[in-house]
Amino acid sequence: MINRRKFLHLSALTAPLLAVKKSFASGMEASTKPIVVSTWKSGLPVNEAAWKILSANGRALDAVEAGARYMEDTIDCCVGLGGYPDRDGIVTLDSCIMDEHANCGAVAGIERIKHPVSVARKVMELTPHVILVGAGAQEFAVQNGFPLESGELSESAKKAYADWLKKSEYKPVINIENGKGNGPFAPQFFDDGSPNHDTMGLVALDASGNLSGAVTTSGMAFKVHGRVGDSPIIGAGLYVDNEVGAATSSGLGEEVIRICGTHLVVEFMRQGYSPENACKKAVERIVKRDPVKAKTLQVGFLALNKKGQHGAYAVQKGFEYSIKSGSETTTYASKFLI
C-alpha cells in the first residue's frame, strides 16, 4: 500500500515527465538550429535560398534577406513587381527586416523598385529611422544604387486588373495566398503547381543561435492607393526578440495591426507558451474582438522560438507554412480556430 508521503513523492517525480510528454505532443520536439520557416507552400524555394546561407554557418539576417529577394525576383506572379496593382493600376510594395539586436528597417508604398527588402535593410543600416514611405523611400533607394524598373504590370496582373475594372469591387478573398480561395481574383499558379500569393514572411535561427526575420509583399490586390497593411510594420507583420523568438503573419493586415500581432505572439512565447500555442492565443484575440467579422477573414501567425521549435495557428482553415532544417524540408497545414 502506498501511503500519503510516498504518493506525494511519486507525484513529484512523475510531474516533470508528464510535462515533457505534453510539450512533445504540442509540437515542441527537440531543439533545432539552424532552421528557417516561412509562410505558405511557396515558401519551400524561399527557404532553400535562405538555407544556402544558414547551412554555411551564415547569419540569419543575410538568410532571410536572401529568401525574400528570391520571391521578389519572381516576375509575373505575386510578391514584388509582378504582384497585382492597387485600384489605380499601380503596384506598390512593402517590406521590413529585423535582426537579433532589434535593429529594423522598413519601406512602404514604394514603386518601381525590385528588391524592397534590401532597401529596408539599407534603411536599417544607413539611417536613424525605421520606416520610409512612398516617393521618399523610392528616392532613398535610387540614391543607394537600386535601379528604377519600368513599372509596367506583369501579364497576369494586367489580366486580373482588366477583369477587376469591370465591377471595381474590393472584396478580399480568404486564403487567396494558398490558391484555395473563391472569387474571380483567385491566384494563378507557378509551373510547379504552387500558388501565387501577395505576402511572404520568413524567420530564421542560425547556427550561432541568433534570430532574424523579413517580410515582403505587394499588399492587397486592388487596394486603395496608399494603403499599407501589417507587412512593413514592426510588431505587426514581423517581430524578433533574440531572447525569446520571432514571429510573422499573413492575411488581413488591418486585423493584425489592431492587436500588434507578432509582438503579441512573441510576448506569449516569453510567458512560456509554445510557438503554436502563442500563435493560437493571438488568433483568439482577433476572434474575440469581433466574432462575426472573424468568420469572413483570414489571419495566420507563424512563430519560431529560441530553441528552433516552430508552430502556427490561423483564424480559418487553409493557412500553411514551410520549414527547412538539417533534417526536414516540408510544408505543414496550420491548425485553425473557426
C-alpha atoms as a PDB file:
ATOM      1  CA  MET A   1       0.000   0.000   0.000  1.00  0.00           C
ATOM      2  CA  ILE A   2       1.250   3.481  -0.893  1.00  0.00           C
ATOM      3  CA  ASN A   3       0.965   5.940   1.967  1.00  0.00           C
ATOM      4  CA  ARG A   4       0.393   9.663   1.509  1.00  0.00           C
ATOM      5  CA  ARG A   5       4.106  10.547   1.771  1.00  0.00           C
ATOM      6  CA  LYS A   6       5.115   8.016  -0.892  1.00  0.00           C
ATOM      7  CA  PHE A   7       2.250   9.165  -3.131  1.00  0.00           C
ATOM      8  CA  LEU A   8       3.417  12.786  -2.959  1.00  0.00           C
ATOM      9  CA  HIS A   9       6.992  11.709  -3.648  1.00  0.00           C
ATOM     10  CA  LEU A  10       5.955   9.718  -6.742  1.00  0.00           C
ATOM     11  CA  SER A  11       3.812  12.605  -7.952  1.00  0.00           C
ATOM     12  CA  ALA A  12       6.769  14.954  -7.709  1.00  0.00           C
ATOM     13  CA  LEU A  13       8.867  12.556  -9.771  1.00  0.00           C
ATOM     14  CA  THR A  14       6.273  11.955 -12.489  1.00  0.00           C
ATOM     15  CA  ALA A  15       5.115  15.554 -12.943  1.00  0.00           C
ATOM     16  CA  PRO A  16       8.188  16.601 -14.976  1.00  0.00           C
ATOM     17  CA  LEU A  17       7.768  13.523 -17.187  1.00  0.00           C
ATOM     18  CA  LEU A  18       4.158  14.440 -17.860  1.00  0.00           C
ATOM     19  CA  ALA A  19       5.212  17.981 -18.690  1.00  0.00           C
ATOM     20  CA  VAL A  20       7.770  16.694 -21.177  1.00  0.00           C
ATOM     21  CA  LYS A  21       5.161  14.422 -22.769  1.00  0.00           C
ATOM     22  CA  LYS A  22       2.752  17.346 -23.061  1.00  0.00           C
ATOM     23  CA  SER A  23       5.366  19.552 -24.708  1.00  0.00           C
ATOM     24  CA  PHE A  24       6.192  16.832 -27.240  1.00  0.00           C
ATOM     25  CA  ALA A  25       2.512  16.375 -28.028  1.00  0.00           C
ATOM     26  CA  SER A  26       2.116  20.084 -28.738  1.00  0.00           C
ATOM     27  CA  GLY A  27       4.837  20.017 -31.395  1.00  0.00           C
ATOM     28  CA  MET A  28       7.784  21.166 -29.280  1.00  0.00           C
ATOM     29  CA  GLU A  29      10.229  18.467 -30.256  1.00  0.00           C
ATOM     30  CA  ALA A  30      13.997  18.526 -29.915  1.00  0.00           C
ATOM     31  CA  SER A  31      15.778  21.823 -30.367  1.00  0.00           C
ATOM     32  CA  THR A  32      16.837  22.575 -33.937  1.00  0.00           C
ATOM     33  CA  LYS A  33      19.289  25.022 -35.463  1.00  0.00           C
ATOM     34  CA  PRO A  34      19.884  26.323 -37.988  1.00  0.00           C
ATOM     35  CA  ILE A  35      16.328  26.463 -39.276  1.00  0.00           C
ATOM     36  CA  VAL A  36      14.187  28.723 -41.449  1.00  0.00           C
ATOM     37  CA  VAL A  37      10.380  28.829 -41.557  1.00  0.00           C
ATOM     38  CA  SER A  38       8.206  30.755 -43.994  1.00  0.00           C
ATOM     39  CA  THR A  39       4.575  31.328 -44.857  1.00  0.00           C
ATOM     40  CA  TRP A  40       2.793  29.164 -47.421  1.00  0.00           C
ATOM     41  CA  LYS A  41       3.867  26.210 -49.547  1.00  0.00           C
ATOM     42  CA  SER A  42       5.585  28.618 -51.911  1.00  0.00           C
ATOM     43  CA  GLY A  43       7.983  29.224 -49.035  1.00  0.00           C
ATOM     44  CA  LEU A  44       9.810  25.991 -49.909  1.00  0.00           C
ATOM     45  CA  PRO A  45      12.079  27.548 -52.574  1.00  0.00           C
ATOM     46  CA  VAL A  46      12.351  30.677 -50.410  1.00  0.00           C
ATOM     47  CA  ASN A  47      13.686  28.501 -47.600  1.00  0.00           C
ATOM     48  CA  GLU A  48      16.156  26.885 -49.998  1.00  0.00           C
ATOM     49  CA  ALA A  49      17.561  30.310 -50.849  1.00  0.00           C
ATOM     50  CA  ALA A  50      17.915  31.112 -47.163  1.00  0.00           C
ATOM     51  CA  TRP A  51      19.363  27.672 -46.410  1.00  0.00           C
ATOM     52  CA  LYS A  52      22.350  28.245 -48.679  1.00  0.00           C
ATOM     53  CA  ILE A  53      23.480  30.836 -46.151  1.00  0.00           C
ATOM     54  CA  LEU A  54      22.350  29.095 -42.965  1.00  0.00           C
ATOM     55  CA  SER A  55      23.979  25.783 -43.905  1.00  0.00           C
ATOM     56  CA  ALA A  56      27.296  27.583 -44.390  1.00  0.00           C
ATOM     57  CA  ASN A  57      27.076  28.974 -40.838  1.00  0.00           C
ATOM     58  CA  GLY A  58      25.955  32.328 -42.191  1.00  0.00           C
ATOM     59  CA  ARG A  59      23.973  34.962 -40.357  1.00  0.00           C
ATOM     60  CA  ALA A  60      20.196  34.671 -40.061  1.00  0.00           C
ATOM     61  CA  LEU A  61      19.817  38.272 -41.252  1.00  0.00           C
ATOM     62  CA  ASP A  62      21.553  37.502 -44.537  1.00  0.00           C
ATOM     63  CA  ALA A  63      19.486  34.336 -44.911  1.00  0.00           C
ATOM     64  CA  VAL A  64      16.090  35.998 -44.548  1.00  0.00           C
ATOM     65  CA  GLU A  65      17.080  38.779 -46.935  1.00  0.00           C
ATOM     66  CA  ALA A  66      18.165  36.172 -49.494  1.00  0.00           C
ATOM     67  CA  GLY A  67      14.873  34.322 -49.088  1.00  0.00           C
ATOM     68  CA  ALA A  68      12.801  37.455 -49.549  1.00  0.00           C
ATOM     69  CA  ARG A  69      14.868  38.528 -52.558  1.00  0.00           C
ATOM     70  CA  TYR A  70      14.195  35.141 -54.172  1.00  0.00           C
ATOM     71  CA  MET A  71      10.480  35.859 -54.021  1.00  0.00           C
ATOM     72  CA  GLU A  72      10.896  39.416 -55.261  1.00  0.00           C
ATOM     73  CA  ASP A  73      12.881  38.119 -58.241  1.00  0.00           C
ATOM     74  CA  THR A  74       9.899  36.139 -59.483  1.00  0.00           C
ATOM     75  CA  ILE A  75       8.194  38.359 -62.040  1.00  0.00           C
ATOM     76  CA  ASP A  76       4.684  37.748 -63.422  1.00  0.00           C
ATOM     77  CA  CYS A  77       3.345  36.143 -60.297  1.00  0.00           C
ATOM     78  CA  CYS A  78       2.845  37.542 -56.900  1.00  0.00           C
ATOM     79  CA  VAL A  79       5.148  39.207 -54.408  1.00  0.00           C
ATOM     80  CA  GLY A  80       7.206  42.028 -55.880  1.00  0.00           C
ATOM     81  CA  LEU A  81       6.705  43.946 -59.086  1.00  0.00           C
ATOM     82  CA  GLY A  82       4.801  41.024 -60.613  1.00  0.00           C
ATOM     83  CA  GLY A  83       2.059  41.426 -57.997  1.00  0.00           C
ATOM     84  CA  TYR A  84      -1.457  42.698 -58.530  1.00  0.00           C
ATOM     85  CA  PRO A  85      -1.810  46.504 -58.534  1.00  0.00           C
ATOM     86  CA  ASP A  86      -3.930  48.809 -56.416  1.00  0.00           C
ATOM     87  CA  ARG A  87      -7.228  50.193 -57.713  1.00  0.00           C
ATOM     88  CA  ASP A  88      -5.341  52.854 -59.680  1.00  0.00           C
ATOM     89  CA  GLY A  89      -3.360  50.198 -61.540  1.00  0.00           C
ATOM     90  CA  ILE A  90      -0.103  50.857 -59.675  1.00  0.00           C
ATOM     91  CA  VAL A  91       1.999  48.183 -57.964  1.00  0.00           C
ATOM     92  CA  THR A  92       3.235  49.406 -54.593  1.00  0.00           C
ATOM     93  CA  LEU A  93       5.468  47.276 -52.393  1.00  0.00           C
ATOM     94  CA  ASP A  94       6.010  46.970 -48.640  1.00  0.00           C
ATOM     95  CA  SER A  95       8.819  45.216 -46.793  1.00  0.00           C
ATOM     96  CA  CYS A  96      10.625  45.033 -43.486  1.00  0.00           C
ATOM     97  CA  ILE A  97      13.578  43.277 -41.902  1.00  0.00           C
ATOM     98  CA  MET A  98      14.743  42.832 -38.301  1.00  0.00           C
ATOM     99  CA  ASP A  99      17.889  41.351 -36.778  1.00  0.00           C
ATOM    100  CA  GLU A 100      18.965  39.839 -33.455  1.00  0.00           C
ATOM    101  CA  HIS A 101      19.845  43.219 -31.947  1.00  0.00           C
ATOM    102  CA  ALA A 102      16.365  44.704 -32.543  1.00  0.00           C
ATOM    103  CA  ASN A 103      17.753  46.720 -35.441  1.00  0.00           C
ATOM    104  CA  CYS A 104      14.984  47.053 -38.002  1.00  0.00           C
ATOM    105  CA  GLY A 105      14.111  48.813 -41.228  1.00  0.00           C
ATOM    106  CA  ALA A 106      11.098  49.041 -43.494  1.00  0.00           C
ATOM    107  CA  VAL A 107       9.674  50.615 -46.622  1.00  0.00           C
ATOM    108  CA  ALA A 108       6.021  51.086 -47.525  1.00  0.00           C
ATOM    109  CA  GLY A 109       4.247  52.109 -50.703  1.00  0.00           C
ATOM    110  CA  ILE A 110       7.452  52.014 -52.714  1.00  0.00           C
ATOM    111  CA  GLU A 111       7.121  51.881 -56.521  1.00  0.00           C
ATOM    112  CA  ARG A 112       9.341  50.555 -59.323  1.00  0.00           C
ATOM    113  CA  ILE A 113      11.981  49.018 -57.030  1.00  0.00           C
ATOM    114  CA  LYS A 114      12.591  45.303 -57.488  1.00  0.00           C
ATOM    115  CA  HIS A 115      14.024  44.454 -54.051  1.00  0.00           C
ATOM    116  CA  PRO A 116      12.247  46.403 -51.304  1.00  0.00           C
ATOM    117  CA  VAL A 117      13.608  44.034 -48.638  1.00  0.00           C
ATOM    118  CA  SER A 118      17.144  45.156 -49.442  1.00  0.00           C
ATOM    119  CA  VAL A 119      16.044  48.791 -49.365  1.00  0.00           C
ATOM    120  CA  ALA A 120      14.547  48.089 -45.929  1.00  0.00           C
ATOM    121  CA  ARG A 121      17.903  46.732 -44.819  1.00  0.00           C
ATOM    122  CA  LYS A 122      19.602  49.897 -46.052  1.00  0.00           C
ATOM    123  CA  VAL A 123      17.110  51.960 -44.046  1.00  0.00           C
ATOM    124  CA  MET A 124      18.085  49.893 -41.002  1.00  0.00           C
ATOM    125  CA  GLU A 125      21.816  50.188 -41.561  1.00  0.00           C
ATOM    126  CA  LEU A 126      22.253  53.672 -43.005  1.00  0.00           C
ATOM    127  CA  THR A 127      19.618  55.850 -41.326  1.00  0.00           C
ATOM    128  CA  PRO A 128      18.416  56.589 -37.788  1.00  0.00           C
ATOM    129  CA  HIS A 129      14.879  55.735 -38.933  1.00  0.00           C
ATOM    130  CA  VAL A 130      12.801  52.566 -39.059  1.00  0.00           C
ATOM    131  CA  ILE A 131      10.449  53.200 -41.970  1.00  0.00           C
ATOM    132  CA  LEU A 132      10.457  55.245 -45.184  1.00  0.00           C
ATOM    133  CA  VAL A 133       7.381  55.545 -47.391  1.00  0.00           C
ATOM    134  CA  GLY A 134       6.299  56.366 -50.931  1.00  0.00           C
ATOM    135  CA  ALA A 135       8.350  58.777 -53.001  1.00  0.00           C
ATOM    136  CA  GLY A 136      10.836  59.273 -50.181  1.00  0.00           C
ATOM    137  CA  ALA A 137      11.510  55.542 -49.989  1.00  0.00           C
ATOM    138  CA  GLN A 138      11.985  55.400 -53.756  1.00  0.00           C
ATOM    139  CA  GLU A 139      14.363  58.367 -53.730  1.00  0.00           C
ATOM    140  CA  PHE A 140      16.390  56.748 -50.936  1.00  0.00           C
ATOM    141  CA  ALA A 141      16.563  53.503 -52.908  1.00  0.00           C
ATOM    142  CA  VAL A 142      17.820  55.222 -56.063  1.00  0.00           C
ATOM    143  CA  GLN A 143      20.402  57.164 -54.072  1.00  0.00           C
ATOM    144  CA  ASN A 144      21.704  53.856 -52.757  1.00  0.00           C
ATOM    145  CA  GLY A 145      22.098  52.211 -56.136  1.00  0.00           C
ATOM    146  CA  PHE A 146      18.752  50.494 -56.690  1.00  0.00           C
ATOM    147  CA  PRO A 147      17.629  50.935 -60.318  1.00  0.00           C
ATOM    148  CA  LEU A 148      14.154  52.141 -61.237  1.00  0.00           C
ATOM    149  CA  GLU A 149      12.207  49.442 -63.039  1.00  0.00           C
ATOM    150  CA  SER A 150       9.646  50.158 -65.774  1.00  0.00           C
ATOM    151  CA  GLY A 151       6.552  49.972 -63.600  1.00  0.00           C
ATOM    152  CA  GLU A 152       4.686  48.002 -66.286  1.00  0.00           C
ATOM    153  CA  LEU A 153       2.265  45.388 -64.976  1.00  0.00           C
ATOM    154  CA  SER A 154       3.048  41.687 -65.389  1.00  0.00           C
ATOM    155  CA  GLU A 155       0.837  39.801 -67.844  1.00  0.00           C
ATOM    156  CA  SER A 156      -1.188  38.081 -65.114  1.00  0.00           C
ATOM    157  CA  ALA A 157      -1.624  41.381 -63.279  1.00  0.00           C
ATOM    158  CA  LYS A 158      -2.811  43.114 -66.458  1.00  0.00           C
ATOM    159  CA  LYS A 159      -5.479  40.482 -66.972  1.00  0.00           C
ATOM    160  CA  ALA A 160      -6.608  40.494 -63.351  1.00  0.00           C
ATOM    161  CA  TYR A 161      -6.773  44.286 -63.266  1.00  0.00           C
ATOM    162  CA  ALA A 162      -8.790  44.423 -66.502  1.00  0.00           C
ATOM    163  CA  ASP A 163     -11.241  41.907 -65.055  1.00  0.00           C
ATOM    164  CA  TRP A 164     -11.467  43.842 -61.798  1.00  0.00           C
ATOM    165  CA  LEU A 165     -12.218  47.114 -63.570  1.00  0.00           C
ATOM    166  CA  LYS A 166     -15.458  45.642 -64.917  1.00  0.00           C
ATOM    167  CA  LYS A 167     -17.010  45.941 -61.438  1.00  0.00           C
ATOM    168  CA  SER A 168     -14.350  47.758 -59.411  1.00  0.00           C
ATOM    169  CA  GLU A 169     -15.332  45.968 -56.213  1.00  0.00           C
ATOM    170  CA  TYR A 170     -12.878  45.486 -53.362  1.00  0.00           C
ATOM    171  CA  LYS A 171     -13.575  42.104 -51.805  1.00  0.00           C
ATOM    172  CA  PRO A 172     -10.503  40.385 -50.337  1.00  0.00           C
ATOM    173  CA  VAL A 173     -10.596  36.605 -50.731  1.00  0.00           C
ATOM    174  CA  ILE A 174      -9.902  34.333 -47.767  1.00  0.00           C
ATOM    175  CA  ASN A 175      -6.832  32.107 -48.281  1.00  0.00           C
ATOM    176  CA  ILE A 176      -6.089  33.586 -51.699  1.00  0.00           C
ATOM    177  CA  GLU A 177      -2.414  33.005 -50.886  1.00  0.00           C
ATOM    178  CA  ASN A 178      -2.728  29.226 -50.978  1.00  0.00           C
ATOM    179  CA  GLY A 179      -4.744  29.111 -54.179  1.00  0.00           C
ATOM    180  CA  LYS A 180      -7.868  27.758 -52.477  1.00  0.00           C
ATOM    181  CA  GLY A 181      -9.787  30.991 -52.150  1.00  0.00           C
ATOM    182  CA  ASN A 182     -13.009  31.643 -54.024  1.00  0.00           C
ATOM    183  CA  GLY A 183     -13.845  34.533 -56.296  1.00  0.00           C
ATOM    184  CA  PRO A 184     -12.836  35.975 -59.652  1.00  0.00           C
ATOM    185  CA  PHE A 185      -9.406  37.112 -58.469  1.00  0.00           C
ATOM    186  CA  ALA A 186      -8.097  33.820 -57.109  1.00  0.00           C
ATOM    187  CA  PRO A 187      -4.398  33.491 -57.967  1.00  0.00           C
ATOM    188  CA  GLN A 188      -2.721  31.869 -60.908  1.00  0.00           C
ATOM    189  CA  PHE A 189      -0.177  29.107 -60.291  1.00  0.00           C
ATOM    190  CA  PHE A 190       3.528  28.613 -60.837  1.00  0.00           C
ATOM    191  CA  ASP A 191       4.734  26.000 -63.308  1.00  0.00           C
ATOM    192  CA  ASP A 192       5.297  23.569 -60.457  1.00  0.00           C
ATOM    193  CA  GLY A 193       1.697  23.897 -59.305  1.00  0.00           C
ATOM    194  CA  SER A 194       2.387  26.043 -56.249  1.00  0.00           C
ATOM    195  CA  PRO A 195       0.123  29.072 -55.853  1.00  0.00           C
ATOM    196  CA  ASN A 196       0.792  32.757 -56.172  1.00  0.00           C
ATOM    197  CA  HIS A 197       0.242  34.990 -53.172  1.00  0.00           C
ATOM    198  CA  ASP A 198       0.837  38.552 -52.115  1.00  0.00           C
ATOM    199  CA  THR A 199       2.832  38.153 -48.882  1.00  0.00           C
ATOM    200  CA  MET A 200       5.973  36.241 -47.965  1.00  0.00           C
ATOM    201  CA  GLY A 201       7.183  36.243 -44.359  1.00  0.00           C
ATOM    202  CA  LEU A 202      10.097  34.236 -43.022  1.00  0.00           C
ATOM    203  CA  VAL A 203      12.057  33.924 -39.794  1.00  0.00           C
ATOM    204  CA  ALA A 204      15.307  32.065 -39.210  1.00  0.00           C
ATOM    205  CA  LEU A 205      17.596  30.840 -36.444  1.00  0.00           C
ATOM    206  CA  ASP A 206      21.252  30.498 -37.406  1.00  0.00           C
ATOM    207  CA  ALA A 207      23.980  28.168 -36.138  1.00  0.00           C
ATOM    208  CA  SER A 208      25.113  30.825 -33.652  1.00  0.00           C
ATOM    209  CA  GLY A 209      21.660  30.857 -32.089  1.00  0.00           C
ATOM    210  CA  ASN A 210      20.617  34.257 -33.432  1.00  0.00           C
ATOM    211  CA  LEU A 211      17.214  35.102 -34.912  1.00  0.00           C
ATOM    212  CA  SER A 212      16.164  37.411 -37.746  1.00  0.00           C
ATOM    213  CA  GLY A 213      13.108  37.886 -39.926  1.00  0.00           C
ATOM    214  CA  ALA A 214      11.856  39.571 -43.084  1.00  0.00           C
ATOM    215  CA  VAL A 215       8.579  40.225 -44.869  1.00  0.00           C
ATOM    216  CA  THR A 216       7.935  41.343 -48.444  1.00  0.00           C
ATOM    217  CA  THR A 217       4.594  41.971 -50.150  1.00  0.00           C
ATOM    218  CA  SER A 218       2.708  43.721 -52.919  1.00  0.00           C
ATOM    219  CA  GLY A 219      -0.161  44.145 -50.490  1.00  0.00           C
ATOM    220  CA  MET A 220      -3.844  43.515 -51.039  1.00  0.00           C
ATOM    221  CA  ALA A 221      -4.845  43.428 -54.711  1.00  0.00           C
ATOM    222  CA  PHE A 222      -6.866  46.438 -55.864  1.00  0.00           C
ATOM    223  CA  LYS A 223      -6.422  48.244 -52.533  1.00  0.00           C
ATOM    224  CA  VAL A 224      -6.948  51.989 -52.167  1.00  0.00           C
ATOM    225  CA  HIS A 225      -3.797  53.714 -53.399  1.00  0.00           C
ATOM    226  CA  GLY A 226      -1.608  54.383 -50.370  1.00  0.00           C
ATOM    227  CA  ARG A 227      -2.992  51.554 -48.256  1.00  0.00           C
ATOM    228  CA  VAL A 228      -0.393  49.883 -46.033  1.00  0.00           C
ATOM    229  CA  GLY A 229      -1.077  46.644 -44.201  1.00  0.00           C
ATOM    230  CA  ASP A 230       0.788  44.893 -41.423  1.00  0.00           C
ATOM    231  CA  SER A 231       3.713  43.590 -43.503  1.00  0.00           C
ATOM    232  CA  PRO A 232       6.176  46.511 -43.121  1.00  0.00           C
ATOM    233  CA  ILE A 233       5.139  47.353 -39.565  1.00  0.00           C
ATOM    234  CA  ILE A 234       7.483  46.072 -36.861  1.00  0.00           C
ATOM    235  CA  GLY A 235       5.390  44.387 -34.183  1.00  0.00           C
ATOM    236  CA  ALA A 236       2.532  43.712 -36.594  1.00  0.00           C
ATOM    237  CA  GLY A 237       3.776  41.769 -39.622  1.00  0.00           C
ATOM    238  CA  LEU A 238       7.134  40.882 -38.056  1.00  0.00           C
ATOM    239  CA  TYR A 239       8.816  40.884 -34.666  1.00  0.00           C
ATOM    240  CA  VAL A 240      12.108  39.444 -33.439  1.00  0.00           C
ATOM    241  CA  ASP A 241      13.306  39.187 -29.841  1.00  0.00           C
ATOM    242  CA  ASN A 242      16.588  37.307 -29.692  1.00  0.00           C
ATOM    243  CA  GLU A 243      15.981  36.226 -26.094  1.00  0.00           C
ATOM    244  CA  VAL A 244      12.663  34.599 -26.916  1.00  0.00           C
ATOM    245  CA  GLY A 245      11.744  34.060 -30.564  1.00  0.00           C
ATOM    246  CA  ALA A 246      10.384  35.572 -33.741  1.00  0.00           C
ATOM    247  CA  ALA A 247       7.023  35.699 -35.482  1.00  0.00           C
ATOM    248  CA  THR A 248       5.483  36.744 -38.783  1.00  0.00           C
ATOM    249  CA  SER A 249       1.966  36.806 -40.185  1.00  0.00           C
ATOM    250  CA  SER A 250      -0.148  36.622 -43.319  1.00  0.00           C
ATOM    251  CA  GLY A 251      -3.735  37.518 -44.074  1.00  0.00           C
ATOM    252  CA  LEU A 252      -5.843  40.620 -43.475  1.00  0.00           C
ATOM    253  CA  GLY A 253      -3.239  43.089 -42.247  1.00  0.00           C
ATOM    254  CA  GLU A 254      -5.669  45.503 -40.639  1.00  0.00           C
ATOM    255  CA  GLU A 255      -6.650  42.837 -38.101  1.00  0.00           C
ATOM    256  CA  VAL A 256      -3.016  42.041 -37.332  1.00  0.00           C
ATOM    257  CA  ILE A 257      -2.262  45.732 -36.776  1.00  0.00           C
ATOM    258  CA  ARG A 258      -5.182  46.075 -34.346  1.00  0.00           C
ATOM    259  CA  ILE A 259      -3.606  43.612 -31.920  1.00  0.00           C
ATOM    260  CA  CYS A 260       0.100  44.254 -32.688  1.00  0.00           C
ATOM    261  CA  GLY A 261       0.003  40.605 -33.664  1.00  0.00           C
ATOM    262  CA  THR A 262       3.569  39.357 -33.971  1.00  0.00           C
ATOM    263  CA  HIS A 263       4.727  41.287 -30.923  1.00  0.00           C
ATOM    264  CA  LEU A 264       1.864  39.664 -29.038  1.00  0.00           C
ATOM    265  CA  VAL A 265       2.919  36.201 -30.235  1.00  0.00           C
ATOM    266  CA  VAL A 266       6.492  36.771 -29.067  1.00  0.00           C
ATOM    267  CA  GLU A 267       5.267  38.024 -25.685  1.00  0.00           C
ATOM    268  CA  PHE A 268       3.171  34.870 -25.270  1.00  0.00           C
ATOM    269  CA  MET A 269       6.295  32.813 -26.005  1.00  0.00           C
ATOM    270  CA  ARG A 270       8.096  34.862 -23.358  1.00  0.00           C
ATOM    271  CA  GLN A 271       5.441  33.698 -20.909  1.00  0.00           C
ATOM    272  CA  GLY A 272       6.300  30.099 -21.722  1.00  0.00           C
ATOM    273  CA  TYR A 273       3.810  29.217 -24.444  1.00  0.00           C
ATOM    274  CA  SER A 274       4.969  27.008 -27.304  1.00  0.00           C
ATOM    275  CA  PRO A 275       5.150  28.717 -30.730  1.00  0.00           C
ATOM    276  CA  GLU A 276       1.912  27.067 -31.795  1.00  0.00           C
ATOM    277  CA  ASN A 277       0.024  27.991 -28.638  1.00  0.00           C
ATOM    278  CA  ALA A 278       1.393  31.537 -28.716  1.00  0.00           C
ATOM    279  CA  CYS A 279       0.013  31.905 -32.234  1.00  0.00           C
ATOM    280  CA  LYS A 280      -3.290  30.432 -31.095  1.00  0.00           C
ATOM    281  CA  LYS A 281      -3.584  32.968 -28.285  1.00  0.00           C
ATOM    282  CA  ALA A 282      -3.099  35.812 -30.758  1.00  0.00           C
ATOM    283  CA  VAL A 283      -5.715  34.351 -33.100  1.00  0.00           C
ATOM    284  CA  GLU A 284      -8.137  34.098 -30.187  1.00  0.00           C
ATOM    285  CA  ARG A 285      -7.593  37.800 -29.515  1.00  0.00           C
ATOM    286  CA  ILE A 286      -8.675  38.630 -33.082  1.00  0.00           C
ATOM    287  CA  VAL A 287     -11.736  36.408 -32.978  1.00  0.00           C
ATOM    288  CA  LYS A 288     -12.816  37.600 -29.545  1.00  0.00           C
ATOM    289  CA  ARG A 289     -12.705  41.241 -30.634  1.00  0.00           C
ATOM    290  CA  ASP A 290     -15.290  40.674 -33.362  1.00  0.00           C
ATOM    291  CA  PRO A 291     -16.559  37.063 -33.666  1.00  0.00           C
ATOM    292  CA  VAL A 292     -18.953  37.879 -36.511  1.00  0.00           C
ATOM    293  CA  LYS A 293     -16.350  39.624 -38.638  1.00  0.00           C
ATOM    294  CA  ALA A 294     -13.818  36.882 -37.895  1.00  0.00           C
ATOM    295  CA  LYS A 295     -15.936  34.439 -39.897  1.00  0.00           C
ATOM    296  CA  THR A 296     -15.259  36.493 -43.030  1.00  0.00           C
ATOM    297  CA  LEU A 297     -11.479  36.936 -42.754  1.00  0.00           C
ATOM    298  CA  GLN A 298      -8.220  35.043 -42.509  1.00  0.00           C
ATOM    299  CA  VAL A 299      -5.116  35.717 -40.447  1.00  0.00           C
ATOM    300  CA  GLY A 300      -2.341  33.232 -39.834  1.00  0.00           C
ATOM    301  CA  PHE A 301       0.601  33.577 -37.450  1.00  0.00           C
ATOM    302  CA  LEU A 302       3.902  31.694 -37.701  1.00  0.00           C
ATOM    303  CA  ALA A 303       6.446  31.569 -34.876  1.00  0.00           C
ATOM    304  CA  LEU A 304       9.930  30.231 -34.172  1.00  0.00           C
ATOM    305  CA  ASN A 305      11.405  30.207 -30.695  1.00  0.00           C
ATOM    306  CA  LYS A 306      14.985  30.444 -29.499  1.00  0.00           C
ATOM    307  CA  LYS A 307      15.289  26.643 -29.402  1.00  0.00           C
ATOM    308  CA  GLY A 308      14.335  26.280 -33.050  1.00  0.00           C
ATOM    309  CA  GLN A 309      10.844  24.995 -32.261  1.00  0.00           C
ATOM    310  CA  HIS A 310       8.166  26.206 -34.653  1.00  0.00           C
ATOM    311  CA  GLY A 311       4.394  26.441 -34.873  1.00  0.00           C
ATOM    312  CA  ALA A 312       1.492  28.273 -36.471  1.00  0.00           C
ATOM    313  CA  TYR A 313      -2.198  28.975 -35.995  1.00  0.00           C
ATOM    314  CA  ALA A 314      -4.891  30.634 -38.111  1.00  0.00           C
ATOM    315  CA  VAL A 315      -8.375  32.029 -37.844  1.00  0.00           C
ATOM    316  CA  GLN A 316      -9.687  29.652 -40.502  1.00  0.00           C
ATOM    317  CA  LYS A 317      -8.611  26.531 -42.334  1.00  0.00           C
ATOM    318  CA  GLY A 318      -6.146  26.967 -45.197  1.00  0.00           C
ATOM    319  CA  PHE A 319      -3.052  28.636 -43.743  1.00  0.00           C
ATOM    320  CA  GLU A 320       0.163  26.670 -44.173  1.00  0.00           C
ATOM    321  CA  TYR A 321       3.864  27.145 -43.584  1.00  0.00           C
ATOM    322  CA  SER A 322       7.126  25.633 -44.806  1.00  0.00           C
ATOM    323  CA  ILE A 323      10.286  24.726 -42.930  1.00  0.00           C
ATOM    324  CA  LYS A 324      13.863  23.853 -43.799  1.00  0.00           C
ATOM    325  CA  SER A 325      16.432  22.452 -41.389  1.00  0.00           C
ATOM    326  CA  GLY A 326      19.242  19.931 -41.488  1.00  0.00           C
ATOM    327  CA  SER A 327      16.738  17.120 -41.033  1.00  0.00           C
ATOM    328  CA  GLU A 328      13.494  18.333 -42.555  1.00  0.00           C
ATOM    329  CA  THR A 329      12.129  20.044 -45.658  1.00  0.00           C
ATOM    330  CA  THR A 330       8.345  20.155 -45.675  1.00  0.00           C
ATOM    331  CA  THR A 331       5.117  22.133 -45.504  1.00  0.00           C
ATOM    332  CA  TYR A 332       2.677  21.932 -42.601  1.00  0.00           C
ATOM    333  CA  ALA A 333      -1.035  22.731 -42.568  1.00  0.00           C
ATOM    334  CA  SER A 334      -1.720  25.119 -39.720  1.00  0.00           C
ATOM    335  CA  LYS A 335      -4.324  24.413 -37.073  1.00  0.00           C
ATOM    336  CA  PHE A 336      -7.209  26.863 -37.029  1.00  0.00           C
ATOM    337  CA  LEU A 337      -9.850  28.249 -34.682  1.00  0.00           C
ATOM    338  CA  ILE A 338     -13.015  28.579 -36.766  1.00  0.00           C
END
